[in-house]
């Protein structure tokens, strides 16, 4: 199946359904991820955010519909060809004990290696650039085991950047980080977009997502609730429909982004009811893993 992709989107979902065993988690999703933007996928726990990301990175097969890259089903690419186009940094990345920062980042060059092409000056330059962009050049000779949580996450992103793709998918890159390191990682994501990359991330923190994203995608129960700019998506009505949370939305005095203030005494709706959420409405639409298959961080598991 080959379908022309919109000019402003290289990575798309068309009527995509994905799941595990007998459970369908993502249900009939249509989605275009804009090029050169920082897209953040938000939604309550177990709504299908990470599942969607894994399907786009061809780590999960579609039950129906398709995930498309440049108009072509993702599973029709050869592994290394796909890995030269798209990088996925998953939530958990196994790191060999005792490995140095430089050696780990160098593993991001695996898709560019082959029987007739071994390590080259181009690979060396790509690693240096990735270390510099993420601000970890000074850590190159240190064991990854000795790093703080924030430093370690920057190194993992550096490995993903060394893969040298225009599309970068990050699954919960701020998990387990304190607020300072969360902001550092999201500032880095914004900088990468300014340098010409397309970044898609799954985040749990709606406040930070609204502050840093150019484009938000809100999911609930595996269905699309809304997508668009933060001001379009982060509204009291959509927060209630997506998260079952009553809140006021103010303007952040620092950035002008939406600022969510939960209303006291009503954190969730009884029984998980979702007003106005029948079906998969699309309000506001329009409005790197170490070597092995998934070290083609975007190849099949």
Protein backbone atom coordinates (compact mmCIF):
# COMPACT_ATOMS: atom_id res chain seq x y z
CA UNK A 1 0.00 0.00 0.00
CA UNK A 2 1.48 3.32 -1.09
CA UNK A 3 -0.40 6.54 -0.34
CA UNK A 4 0.83 10.07 -1.06
CA UNK A 5 1.79 11.71 2.23
CA UNK A 6 0.73 15.31 2.85
CA UNK A 7 3.48 17.76 1.90
CA UNK A 8 3.84 18.86 5.52
CA UNK A 9 3.90 15.32 6.99
CA UNK A 10 6.28 12.43 6.32
CA UNK A 11 5.04 10.15 9.11
CA UNK A 12 1.34 9.29 9.16
CA UNK A 13 -1.23 6.84 10.46
CA UNK A 14 -4.18 5.80 8.31
CA UNK A 15 -7.08 4.05 10.07
CA UNK A 16 -4.40 2.45 12.25
CA UNK A 17 -5.33 -0.17 14.83
CA UNK A 18 -2.63 -1.79 17.00
CA UNK A 19 -2.67 -3.99 20.08
CA UNK A 20 -1.21 -6.78 22.18
CA UNK A 21 -2.58 -10.35 22.15
CA UNK A 22 -6.37 -10.01 22.25
CA UNK A 23 -6.49 -6.34 23.28
CA UNK A 24 -6.70 -3.59 20.66
CA UNK A 25 -5.06 -0.52 22.17
CA UNK A 26 -4.99 1.99 19.29
CA UNK A 27 -8.25 2.06 17.35
CA UNK A 28 -8.72 3.35 13.81
CA UNK A 29 -6.37 6.29 14.20
CA UNK A 30 -5.77 8.87 11.46
CA UNK A 31 -2.84 11.16 12.17
CA UNK A 32 -0.33 13.36 10.32
CA UNK A 33 2.83 14.42 12.18
CA UNK A 34 4.02 17.77 10.79
CA UNK A 35 7.57 18.10 9.50
CA UNK A 36 10.00 20.37 11.31
CA UNK A 37 7.87 20.61 14.43
CA UNK A 38 8.00 19.34 18.00
CA UNK A 39 4.92 17.12 18.39
CA UNK A 40 3.99 15.83 21.85
CA UNK A 41 1.50 13.00 22.39
CA UNK A 42 -0.45 13.27 25.65
CA UNK A 43 -3.26 11.39 27.35
CA UNK A 44 -4.09 9.38 30.48
CA UNK A 45 -2.25 6.22 31.44
CA UNK A 46 -2.79 3.20 29.16
CA UNK A 47 -4.45 5.27 26.42
CA UNK A 48 -2.08 4.00 23.72
CA UNK A 49 0.58 6.74 23.53
CA UNK A 50 3.63 4.47 23.61
CA UNK A 51 1.83 1.82 21.58
CA UNK A 52 1.24 4.38 18.83
CA UNK A 53 4.89 5.42 18.88
CA UNK A 54 6.04 1.79 18.64
CA UNK A 55 3.71 1.17 15.70
CA UNK A 56 5.01 4.25 13.86
CA UNK A 57 8.54 2.91 14.43
CA UNK A 58 7.44 -0.53 13.11
CA UNK A 59 8.10 -2.32 16.40
CA UNK A 60 4.43 -3.39 16.43
CA UNK A 61 2.46 -4.62 13.40
CA UNK A 62 -0.80 -2.98 12.41
CA UNK A 63 -3.95 -5.03 12.97
CA UNK A 64 -5.66 -2.89 10.38
CA UNK A 65 -4.84 0.29 8.53
CA UNK A 66 -1.22 1.36 8.22
CA UNK A 67 1.64 3.46 9.52
CA UNK A 68 3.27 5.30 6.61
CA UNK A 69 6.66 6.91 6.15
CA UNK A 70 6.98 9.02 3.01
CA UNK A 71 3.81 7.40 1.70
CA UNK A 72 5.07 3.83 2.13
CA UNK A 73 4.05 1.30 4.77
CA UNK A 74 6.76 1.22 7.41
CA UNK A 75 7.10 -2.57 7.29
CA UNK A 76 7.94 -2.48 3.59
CA UNK A 77 11.31 -0.84 4.27
CA UNK A 78 14.45 -2.88 4.78
CA UNK A 79 15.65 -2.54 8.38
CA UNK A 80 18.74 -0.44 7.76
CA UNK A 81 17.00 1.72 5.17
CA UNK A 82 14.24 2.50 7.66
CA UNK A 83 16.79 3.16 10.41
CA UNK A 84 18.50 5.77 8.23
CA UNK A 85 15.19 7.64 8.04
CA UNK A 86 13.72 7.38 11.54
CA UNK A 87 15.09 6.91 15.05
CA UNK A 88 13.15 5.72 18.10
CA UNK A 89 14.52 6.13 21.61
CA UNK A 90 12.36 3.85 23.81
CA UNK A 91 11.63 4.24 27.51
CA UNK A 92 14.16 1.63 28.60
CA UNK A 93 17.52 1.33 26.88
CA UNK A 94 19.86 -1.48 27.99
CA UNK A 95 23.36 -0.08 28.47
CA UNK A 96 26.33 -2.47 28.67
CA UNK A 97 28.10 -2.29 32.00
CA UNK A 98 31.26 -0.19 31.94
CA UNK A 99 30.74 1.28 28.47
CA UNK A 100 31.94 4.84 27.97
CA UNK A 101 29.79 7.68 26.68
CA UNK A 102 31.67 7.90 23.38
CA UNK A 103 31.39 4.16 22.75
CA UNK A 104 27.66 4.14 23.48
CA UNK A 105 26.98 7.11 21.23
CA UNK A 106 29.03 5.45 18.48
CA UNK A 107 26.52 2.58 18.47
CA UNK A 108 24.05 4.96 16.89
CA UNK A 109 26.09 4.64 13.69
CA UNK A 110 25.23 0.94 13.35
CA UNK A 111 22.68 1.44 10.51
CA UNK A 112 25.40 3.12 8.45
CA UNK A 113 27.83 0.20 8.74
CA UNK A 114 28.11 -2.77 6.42
CA UNK A 115 30.44 -5.40 5.07
CA UNK A 116 31.92 -2.91 2.63
CA UNK A 117 31.67 0.13 4.84
CA UNK A 118 33.26 0.05 8.27
CA UNK A 119 34.01 2.94 10.65
CA UNK A 120 34.89 6.08 8.72
CA UNK A 121 35.77 9.75 9.27
CA UNK A 122 32.10 10.49 8.52
CA UNK A 123 31.05 8.28 11.44
CA UNK A 124 33.59 9.95 13.70
CA UNK A 125 32.28 13.39 12.72
CA UNK A 126 28.66 12.32 13.33
CA UNK A 127 29.52 11.13 16.86
CA UNK A 128 31.39 14.36 17.66
CA UNK A 129 28.47 16.41 16.40
CA UNK A 130 25.94 14.39 18.42
CA UNK A 131 28.01 14.80 21.59
CA UNK A 132 28.36 18.53 20.99
CA UNK A 133 24.68 19.19 20.22
CA UNK A 134 23.58 17.50 23.46
CA UNK A 135 26.31 19.18 25.52
CA UNK A 136 28.03 15.98 26.64
CA UNK A 137 31.37 16.23 24.80
CA UNK A 138 33.20 16.65 28.11
CA UNK A 139 31.75 13.32 29.28
CA UNK A 140 32.98 11.31 26.28
CA UNK A 141 35.51 9.22 28.23
CA UNK A 142 33.38 8.67 31.33
CA UNK A 143 31.52 5.42 32.02
CA UNK A 144 27.79 5.82 31.48
CA UNK A 145 27.27 4.10 34.86
CA UNK A 146 28.80 7.14 36.61
CA UNK A 147 26.40 9.71 35.14
CA UNK A 148 23.44 11.45 36.74
CA UNK A 149 19.95 10.79 35.40
CA UNK A 150 19.92 14.00 33.36
CA UNK A 151 23.37 13.36 31.92
CA UNK A 152 22.46 9.79 31.04
CA UNK A 153 19.31 10.89 29.18
CA UNK A 154 21.31 13.43 27.19
CA UNK A 155 23.79 10.71 26.26
CA UNK A 156 20.98 8.42 25.07
CA UNK A 157 19.56 11.25 22.96
CA UNK A 158 23.09 11.80 21.65
CA UNK A 159 23.20 8.14 20.56
CA UNK A 160 19.88 8.63 18.76
CA UNK A 161 21.21 11.76 17.04
CA UNK A 162 24.33 9.91 15.89
CA UNK A 163 21.98 7.74 13.85
CA UNK A 164 21.55 10.90 11.77
CA UNK A 165 17.88 10.79 10.80
CA UNK A 166 15.52 13.69 10.25
CA UNK A 167 12.76 12.02 12.30
CA UNK A 168 13.33 11.43 16.02
CA UNK A 169 10.77 9.63 18.21
CA UNK A 170 11.21 9.78 22.01
CA UNK A 171 9.11 7.62 24.34
CA UNK A 172 8.76 9.39 27.70
CA UNK A 173 12.22 11.01 27.62
CA UNK A 174 11.64 12.90 30.89
CA UNK A 175 10.50 9.95 33.03
CA UNK A 176 12.37 9.67 36.37
CA UNK A 177 14.06 13.06 35.88
CA UNK A 178 13.72 15.96 38.29
CA UNK A 179 12.15 19.17 37.02
CA UNK A 180 15.48 20.80 36.13
CA UNK A 181 16.57 17.86 34.00
CA UNK A 182 13.11 17.56 32.44
CA UNK A 183 13.37 21.14 31.25
CA UNK A 184 16.91 20.55 29.96
CA UNK A 185 15.71 17.62 27.84
CA UNK A 186 12.72 19.54 26.45
CA UNK A 187 14.86 22.60 25.70
CA UNK A 188 17.15 20.26 23.79
CA UNK A 189 14.18 18.89 21.83
CA UNK A 190 13.20 22.44 20.86
CA UNK A 191 16.77 23.16 19.80
CA UNK A 192 16.83 20.03 17.63
CA UNK A 193 13.70 21.23 15.83
CA UNK A 194 15.34 24.59 15.24
CA UNK A 195 18.23 22.68 13.67
CA UNK A 196 15.85 21.07 11.18
CA UNK A 197 14.74 17.82 12.79
CA UNK A 198 11.19 16.59 13.35
CA UNK A 199 10.74 15.45 16.95
CA UNK A 200 7.81 13.42 18.31
CA UNK A 201 7.67 12.66 22.03
CA UNK A 202 5.32 10.99 24.49
CA UNK A 203 4.96 12.99 27.72
CA UNK A 204 2.83 12.60 30.84
CA UNK A 205 3.20 16.19 32.02
CA UNK A 206 0.52 18.24 30.25
CA UNK A 207 1.96 21.47 31.62
CA UNK A 208 5.38 20.88 30.07
CA UNK A 209 3.83 19.54 26.88
CA UNK A 210 1.79 22.74 26.47
CA UNK A 211 4.87 24.85 27.11
CA UNK A 212 7.29 23.20 24.69
CA UNK A 213 5.25 21.52 21.93
CA UNK A 214 4.50 23.13 18.58
CA UNK A 215 1.84 20.49 17.95
CA UNK A 216 -0.15 18.44 20.48
CA UNK A 217 -1.92 15.12 19.96
CA UNK A 218 -4.38 14.07 22.69
CA UNK A 219 -5.47 10.43 22.99
CA UNK A 220 -8.00 8.69 25.20
CA UNK A 221 -8.75 4.95 25.16
CA UNK A 222 -6.76 4.51 21.97
CA UNK A 223 -8.70 7.12 20.03
CA UNK A 224 -7.85 10.62 18.87
CA UNK A 225 -9.55 13.31 20.93
CA UNK A 226 -7.79 16.35 19.50
CA UNK A 227 -4.72 17.58 17.67
CA UNK A 228 -3.43 21.04 16.92
CA UNK A 229 -1.50 23.85 18.53
CA UNK A 230 -1.33 23.95 22.36
CA UNK A 231 -3.87 26.78 22.56
CA UNK A 232 -6.34 24.71 20.50
CA UNK A 233 -5.91 21.48 22.45
CA UNK A 234 -5.37 22.66 26.03
CA UNK A 235 -8.83 23.94 26.85
CA UNK A 236 -11.04 23.18 29.88
CA UNK A 237 -13.43 21.16 27.74
CA UNK A 238 -10.74 19.02 26.11
CA UNK A 239 -8.86 18.47 29.38
CA UNK A 240 -12.08 17.14 30.90
CA UNK A 241 -12.84 14.99 27.85
CA UNK A 242 -9.31 13.58 27.70
CA UNK A 243 -8.24 13.28 31.33
CA UNK A 244 -11.53 13.42 33.24
CA UNK A 245 -10.15 16.50 35.02
CA UNK A 246 -11.92 19.78 35.63
CA UNK A 247 -9.49 22.68 35.31
CA UNK A 248 -9.07 26.31 34.48
CA UNK A 249 -6.66 27.28 31.71
CA UNK A 250 -4.71 30.49 32.14
CA UNK A 251 -1.93 32.11 30.13
CA UNK A 252 1.58 31.36 31.30
CA UNK A 253 3.03 34.81 32.15
CA UNK A 254 6.49 33.65 31.08
CA UNK A 255 5.78 32.03 27.71
CA UNK A 256 2.16 32.76 26.84
CA UNK A 257 1.48 29.01 26.64
CA UNK A 258 -1.65 27.48 28.23
CA UNK A 259 -1.28 26.97 31.99
CA UNK A 260 -3.49 24.29 33.57
CA UNK A 261 -4.90 24.90 37.06
CA UNK A 262 -6.89 21.88 38.34
CA UNK A 263 -10.09 22.76 40.20
CA UNK A 264 -10.06 21.76 43.85
CA UNK A 265 -12.16 18.79 44.96
CA UNK A 266 -12.90 17.35 41.53
CA UNK A 267 -9.82 15.53 40.30
CA UNK A 268 -11.71 12.96 38.27
CA UNK A 269 -15.20 12.27 37.02
CA UNK A 270 -17.19 9.53 38.75
CA UNK A 271 -16.77 6.13 37.13
CA UNK A 272 -14.38 7.50 34.56
CA UNK A 273 -17.25 9.08 32.59
CA UNK A 274 -16.12 11.34 29.78
CA UNK A 275 -18.59 14.09 28.80
CA UNK A 276 -18.86 14.55 25.07
CA UNK A 277 -16.34 11.80 24.30
CA UNK A 278 -18.56 9.42 22.34
CA UNK A 279 -16.61 8.12 19.38
CA UNK A 280 -13.24 9.37 18.25
CA UNK A 281 -13.94 13.06 17.76
CA UNK A 282 -11.10 15.16 16.43
CA UNK A 283 -11.75 18.56 17.89
CA UNK A 284 -9.04 21.09 17.05
CA UNK A 285 -7.88 19.03 14.12
CA UNK A 286 -6.14 20.55 11.23
CA UNK A 287 -7.26 21.74 13.79
CA UNK A 288 18.35 4.37 20.11
CA UNK A 289 19.01 1.35 21.21
CA UNK A 290 22.39 -0.47 21.28
CA UNK A 291 23.04 -2.68 18.23
CA UNK A 292 20.67 -5.47 17.52
CA UNK A 293 17.43 -5.01 15.65
CA UNK A 294 16.15 -2.21 17.79
CA UNK A 295 19.45 -0.43 17.71
CA UNK A 296 18.30 0.44 14.31
CA UNK A 297 16.21 2.33 16.75
CA UNK A 298 13.22 2.14 14.56
CA UNK A 299 13.55 -1.40 13.27
CA UNK A 300 11.64 -4.51 14.17
CA UNK A 301 12.01 -6.03 17.60
